[in-house]
Amino acid sequence: MDENSENIKDVLQVICKHPLSTPVRLAVALLLLARNEMEFNELQRALGTTPGALWSHVEKMK
């Protein structure tokens, strides 16, 4: 592997470990940024997730 491939691999590993690396977590962050505050049920409806899935994402974002 050349140096550029190694650099790309390193960057991708960092991105994949970031708390906002999934679409749901990024959407949660953007919704809260836009609205400042939302009830859990509002977030769940807006994102179309189950309560358990949303809770898991929120916990990982903490």
Protein backbone atom coordinates (compact mmCIF):
# COMPACT_ATOMS: atom_id res chain seq x y z
CA MET A 1 0.00 0.00 0.00
CA ASP A 2 1.25 3.49 -0.78
CA GLU A 3 1.31 6.43 1.64
CA ASN A 4 -1.92 7.99 0.29
CA SER A 5 -3.81 4.74 0.80
CA GLU A 6 -2.56 4.52 4.37
CA ASN A 7 -3.64 8.12 5.04
CA ILE A 8 -7.10 7.46 3.62
CA LYS A 9 -7.40 4.30 5.70
CA ASP A 10 -6.45 6.24 8.85
CA VAL A 11 -8.98 9.00 8.11
CA LEU A 12 -11.78 6.50 7.49
CA GLN A 13 -11.05 4.73 10.77
CA VAL A 14 -11.32 8.02 12.66
CA ILE A 15 -14.56 8.98 10.90
CA CYS A 16 -16.15 5.59 11.60
CA LYS A 17 -15.45 5.97 15.33
CA HIS A 18 -16.92 9.48 15.54
CA PRO A 19 -20.21 9.77 17.51
CA LEU A 20 -21.91 11.42 14.53
CA SER A 21 -20.86 8.75 12.06
CA THR A 22 -24.40 7.41 11.57
CA PRO A 23 -27.23 9.22 9.80
CA VAL A 24 -29.52 8.97 12.84
CA ARG A 25 -26.98 10.54 15.20
CA LEU A 26 -26.19 13.28 12.73
CA ALA A 27 -29.92 13.95 12.32
CA VAL A 28 -30.39 14.12 16.11
CA ALA A 29 -27.58 16.67 16.36
CA LEU A 30 -28.96 18.76 13.50
CA LEU A 31 -32.52 18.72 14.86
CA LEU A 32 -31.33 19.76 18.31
CA LEU A 33 -29.13 22.46 16.81
CA ALA A 34 -32.08 23.85 14.87
CA ARG A 35 -34.64 23.56 17.67
CA ASN A 36 -32.43 23.81 20.80
CA GLU A 37 -34.66 21.34 22.60
CA MET A 38 -37.01 18.50 21.73
CA GLU A 39 -38.90 15.88 23.66
CA PHE A 40 -37.69 12.33 23.17
CA ASN A 41 -41.00 11.36 21.51
CA GLU A 42 -40.71 14.29 19.09
CA LEU A 43 -37.24 13.16 18.07
CA GLN A 44 -38.42 9.60 17.66
CA ARG A 45 -41.33 10.61 15.41
CA ALA A 46 -39.19 13.03 13.38
CA LEU A 47 -36.57 10.36 12.74
CA GLY A 48 -38.91 7.39 12.35
CA THR A 49 -36.96 5.23 14.80
CA THR A 50 -38.04 2.95 17.59
CA PRO A 51 -37.60 4.19 21.16
CA GLY A 52 -34.89 1.59 21.81
CA ALA A 53 -32.90 2.48 18.71
CA LEU A 54 -33.06 6.20 19.45
CA TRP A 55 -32.08 5.64 23.09
CA SER A 56 -29.07 3.60 21.96
CA HIS A 57 -27.95 6.36 19.61
CA VAL A 58 -28.41 9.07 22.26
CA GLU A 59 -26.40 7.03 24.79
CA LYS A 60 -23.55 6.63 22.32
CA MET A 61 -23.61 10.36 21.63
CA LYS A 62 -23.21 11.16 25.33
